[in-house]
Amino acid sequence: MPEPITGTYDFDAAARMKQTVDKGPRYAPLRLEDVSPEGMEQVAVIRAAFSIPESRPFPDVSLITLRHPGMFKGQMVLGIELAKGAIPGRERELAILRLARLARAPFEWCEHVDIGKAFGVTAEEIERVLEGSQAPGWTEHESAILRGVEELLSDHCLSDATWDTLARTWDEKQMLEFPMLVGSYLMTALQQNSLKVQPKGGFDYR
């Protein structure tokens, strides 16, 4: 079994940025007037689900993936379900941040630093996510969340020890949701890295 990365994951961040961001995006965002009728139905669904007013520009990453409206719809059905899912938002964001680090995903990391803060993840905890599940300061449950991400990425399966620790706090819906959460955001990282989606200015990706 491959050993999970449970500590700091060191890699050349500048080289990764050059690979996954420079000269991107590979497809330009559509203008809203160029989105297909099928795609515009999804725009309305997303605005309603996440309370995005008509006055706010639609995210570029979505306007890129709306080039394939059927796929976008499938992604968003799962994304909305996970966003309103059984796992508390703060714990969900800790998992996504660790995933984004291990996937070396600049756009996903930068987006979820901001989203995580909105759900109560502190700047200190964001730094601790970089140190992984073994970092001092996590509760047993929080450490198991990060460890679960590390195991799912390395061996595509939760160990009995991690499962049992999580199951002492989470109910069966949360346990069923967790691997899907990790898989969904890994899928998104693969797409965003490959499309070279541009992170927001002023981000800190190390």
Protein backbone atom coordinates (compact mmCIF):
# COMPACT_ATOMS: atom_id res chain seq x y z
CA MET A 1 0.00 0.00 0.00
CA PRO A 2 1.41 3.45 -0.86
CA GLU A 3 2.23 5.49 2.23
CA PRO A 4 0.02 8.57 2.61
CA ILE A 5 1.65 11.98 2.86
CA THR A 6 0.74 12.89 6.43
CA GLY A 7 3.19 15.76 6.92
CA THR A 8 4.39 18.73 4.92
CA TYR A 9 4.31 18.08 1.18
CA ASP A 10 7.28 19.87 -0.28
CA PHE A 11 7.41 20.54 -4.01
CA ASP A 12 8.53 23.30 -6.33
CA ALA A 13 5.53 25.64 -6.16
CA ALA A 14 6.93 27.99 -8.80
CA ALA A 15 7.38 25.13 -11.27
CA ARG A 16 3.86 23.90 -10.52
CA MET A 17 2.46 27.37 -11.13
CA LYS A 18 4.29 27.49 -14.46
CA GLN A 19 2.80 24.11 -15.38
CA THR A 20 -0.79 24.72 -14.27
CA VAL A 21 -1.29 28.49 -14.57
CA ASP A 22 1.17 30.18 -16.94
CA LYS A 23 -0.23 31.12 -20.36
CA GLY A 24 -3.69 30.06 -19.27
CA PRO A 25 -6.52 29.56 -19.39
CA ARG A 26 -6.44 27.15 -22.30
CA TYR A 27 -10.03 28.11 -23.18
CA ALA A 28 -11.35 31.62 -22.73
CA PRO A 29 -14.44 32.16 -20.56
CA LEU A 30 -17.60 32.50 -22.61
CA ARG A 31 -19.57 35.71 -22.54
CA LEU A 32 -22.97 35.11 -20.96
CA GLU A 33 -24.66 35.98 -24.24
CA ASP A 34 -22.71 33.16 -25.89
CA VAL A 35 -23.74 30.50 -23.37
CA SER A 36 -26.18 27.94 -24.81
CA PRO A 37 -29.83 27.88 -23.62
CA GLU A 38 -29.04 24.63 -21.77
CA GLY A 39 -26.10 26.35 -20.10
CA MET A 40 -28.17 29.40 -19.14
CA GLU A 41 -30.55 27.12 -17.27
CA GLN A 42 -27.58 26.04 -15.16
CA VAL A 43 -26.49 29.66 -14.65
CA ALA A 44 -29.92 30.36 -13.14
CA VAL A 45 -29.69 27.26 -10.94
CA ILE A 46 -26.24 28.24 -9.65
CA ARG A 47 -27.25 31.84 -8.97
CA ALA A 48 -30.22 30.61 -6.95
CA ALA A 49 -28.32 27.88 -5.09
CA PHE A 50 -25.45 30.15 -4.01
CA SER A 51 -27.36 33.46 -3.84
CA ILE A 52 -25.30 35.06 -6.61
CA PRO A 53 -27.12 38.27 -7.64
CA GLU A 54 -27.58 39.13 -11.29
CA SER A 55 -25.33 42.15 -10.74
CA ARG A 56 -22.34 39.99 -9.82
CA PRO A 57 -20.23 38.64 -12.70
CA PHE A 58 -20.50 34.90 -13.16
CA PRO A 59 -17.21 33.16 -12.26
CA ASP A 60 -14.74 32.74 -15.11
CA VAL A 61 -14.09 29.10 -14.19
CA SER A 62 -17.80 28.38 -14.68
CA LEU A 63 -17.91 30.32 -17.95
CA ILE A 64 -15.08 28.12 -19.20
CA THR A 65 -16.70 24.83 -18.23
CA LEU A 66 -20.07 25.97 -19.60
CA ARG A 67 -18.57 25.21 -22.99
CA HIS A 68 -19.77 21.69 -22.08
CA PRO A 69 -23.17 22.42 -20.49
CA GLY A 70 -24.16 18.79 -19.97
CA MET A 71 -20.99 18.05 -18.03
CA PHE A 72 -21.32 21.33 -16.14
CA LYS A 73 -24.81 20.31 -15.06
CA GLY A 74 -23.55 16.99 -13.73
CA GLN A 75 -20.75 18.68 -11.83
CA MET A 76 -23.08 21.25 -10.33
CA VAL A 77 -25.71 18.71 -9.20
CA LEU A 78 -23.05 16.98 -7.12
CA GLY A 79 -21.42 20.27 -6.10
CA ILE A 80 -24.66 21.74 -4.78
CA GLU A 81 -25.44 18.53 -2.89
CA LEU A 82 -22.01 18.59 -1.25
CA ALA A 83 -22.25 22.32 -0.46
CA LYS A 84 -25.47 21.78 1.47
CA GLY A 85 -24.38 18.32 2.59
CA ALA A 86 -24.17 16.53 5.89
CA ILE A 87 -20.54 17.41 6.66
CA PRO A 88 -20.23 20.80 8.41
CA GLY A 89 -18.81 23.54 6.21
CA ARG A 90 -15.68 24.12 8.27
CA GLU A 91 -14.77 20.43 8.24
CA ARG A 92 -15.56 20.18 4.52
CA GLU A 93 -13.19 23.06 3.81
CA LEU A 94 -10.36 21.54 5.86
CA ALA A 95 -10.67 18.41 3.71
CA ILE A 96 -10.74 20.37 0.45
CA LEU A 97 -7.72 22.44 1.44
CA ARG A 98 -5.67 19.35 2.22
CA LEU A 99 -6.79 17.79 -1.05
CA ALA A 100 -5.87 20.93 -2.99
CA ARG A 101 -2.41 20.91 -1.45
CA LEU A 102 -1.77 17.25 -2.23
CA ALA A 103 -3.16 17.70 -5.77
CA ARG A 104 -0.83 20.71 -6.20
CA ALA A 105 -3.85 22.66 -7.41
CA PRO A 106 -3.20 26.45 -7.25
CA PHE A 107 -6.66 27.58 -8.32
CA GLU A 108 -8.51 25.21 -5.99
CA TRP A 109 -6.20 26.07 -3.08
CA CYS A 110 -6.63 29.82 -3.52
CA GLU A 111 -10.41 29.61 -3.91
CA HIS A 112 -10.82 27.49 -0.81
CA VAL A 113 -8.54 29.59 1.36
CA ASP A 114 -11.16 32.30 0.92
CA ILE A 115 -14.13 29.93 1.21
CA GLY A 116 -12.60 28.22 4.23
CA LYS A 117 -12.21 31.53 6.05
CA ALA A 118 -15.90 32.24 5.40
CA PHE A 119 -16.70 28.97 7.17
CA GLY A 120 -14.48 29.70 10.16
CA VAL A 121 -11.14 28.16 9.18
CA THR A 122 -8.49 30.41 10.74
CA ALA A 123 -5.25 31.59 9.16
CA GLU A 124 -3.38 29.46 11.72
CA GLU A 125 -5.37 26.39 10.68
CA ILE A 126 -4.68 27.05 7.00
CA GLU A 127 -0.97 27.00 7.83
CA ARG A 128 -1.51 23.79 9.79
CA VAL A 129 -3.25 22.17 6.81
CA LEU A 130 0.07 22.53 4.99
CA GLU A 131 1.66 20.44 7.77
CA GLY A 132 -0.89 17.65 7.38
CA SER A 133 -2.73 15.33 9.72
CA GLN A 134 0.26 14.82 12.02
CA ALA A 135 0.59 18.51 12.89
CA PRO A 136 0.05 19.30 16.56
CA GLY A 137 -3.06 21.30 17.37
CA TRP A 138 -5.75 19.29 15.59
CA THR A 139 -8.45 17.50 17.52
CA GLU A 140 -8.54 13.74 17.01
CA HIS A 141 -11.50 14.17 14.66
CA GLU A 142 -9.89 16.97 12.63
CA SER A 143 -6.68 14.97 12.28
CA ALA A 144 -8.72 12.01 11.02
CA ILE A 145 -10.39 14.22 8.39
CA LEU A 146 -6.99 15.23 7.00
CA ARG A 147 -5.66 11.70 7.37
CA GLY A 148 -8.68 10.46 5.44
CA VAL A 149 -7.88 12.78 2.54
CA GLU A 150 -4.26 11.63 2.62
CA GLU A 151 -5.28 7.96 2.56
CA LEU A 152 -7.89 8.36 -0.17
CA LEU A 153 -5.37 10.06 -2.44
CA SER A 154 -2.60 7.53 -1.77
CA ASP A 155 -4.52 4.24 -1.55
CA HIS A 156 -8.07 5.13 -2.68
CA CYS A 157 -9.46 3.67 0.54
CA LEU A 158 -9.93 4.74 4.16
CA SER A 159 -8.07 2.64 6.71
CA ASP A 160 -10.03 0.96 9.50
CA ALA A 161 -8.41 3.23 12.07
CA THR A 162 -9.39 6.42 10.25
CA TRP A 163 -12.88 5.14 9.52
CA ASP A 164 -13.45 4.22 13.15
CA THR A 165 -12.21 7.59 14.40
CA LEU A 166 -14.45 9.53 12.03
CA ALA A 167 -17.43 7.29 12.74
CA ARG A 168 -17.26 8.12 16.43
CA THR A 169 -18.29 11.68 15.53
CA TRP A 170 -19.95 11.50 12.11
CA ASP A 171 -23.21 9.72 11.28
CA GLU A 172 -23.67 7.36 8.35
CA LYS A 173 -24.66 10.12 5.91
CA GLN A 174 -21.46 11.98 6.67
CA MET A 175 -19.40 8.81 6.31
CA LEU A 176 -20.99 8.08 2.94
CA GLU A 177 -20.44 11.66 1.83
CA PHE A 178 -16.76 11.97 2.74
CA PRO A 179 -15.18 9.82 -0.02
CA MET A 180 -17.49 11.48 -2.56
CA LEU A 181 -16.42 14.91 -1.33
CA VAL A 182 -12.75 14.04 -1.80
CA GLY A 183 -13.36 12.42 -5.19
CA SER A 184 -15.44 15.33 -6.46
CA TYR A 185 -12.86 17.95 -5.56
CA LEU A 186 -10.02 15.82 -6.92
CA MET A 187 -11.92 15.62 -10.22
CA THR A 188 -12.32 19.40 -10.15
CA ALA A 189 -8.61 19.90 -9.42
CA LEU A 190 -7.68 17.71 -12.40
CA GLN A 191 -9.87 19.82 -14.66
CA GLN A 192 -8.78 23.21 -13.31
CA ASN A 193 -5.08 22.31 -13.37
CA SER A 194 -5.35 21.08 -16.95
CA LEU A 195 -7.34 24.11 -18.11
CA LYS A 196 -4.79 26.42 -16.42
CA VAL A 197 -7.54 28.38 -14.71
CA GLN A 198 -6.13 31.60 -13.26
CA PRO A 199 -6.17 32.06 -9.47
CA LYS A 200 -7.20 35.40 -8.05
CA GLY A 201 -4.55 38.09 -7.73
CA GLY A 202 -2.78 38.44 -4.42
CA PHE A 203 -2.91 34.75 -3.58
CA ASP A 204 -0.23 32.97 -1.60
CA TYR A 205 0.62 29.61 -3.13
CA ARG A 206 3.76 28.07 -1.70
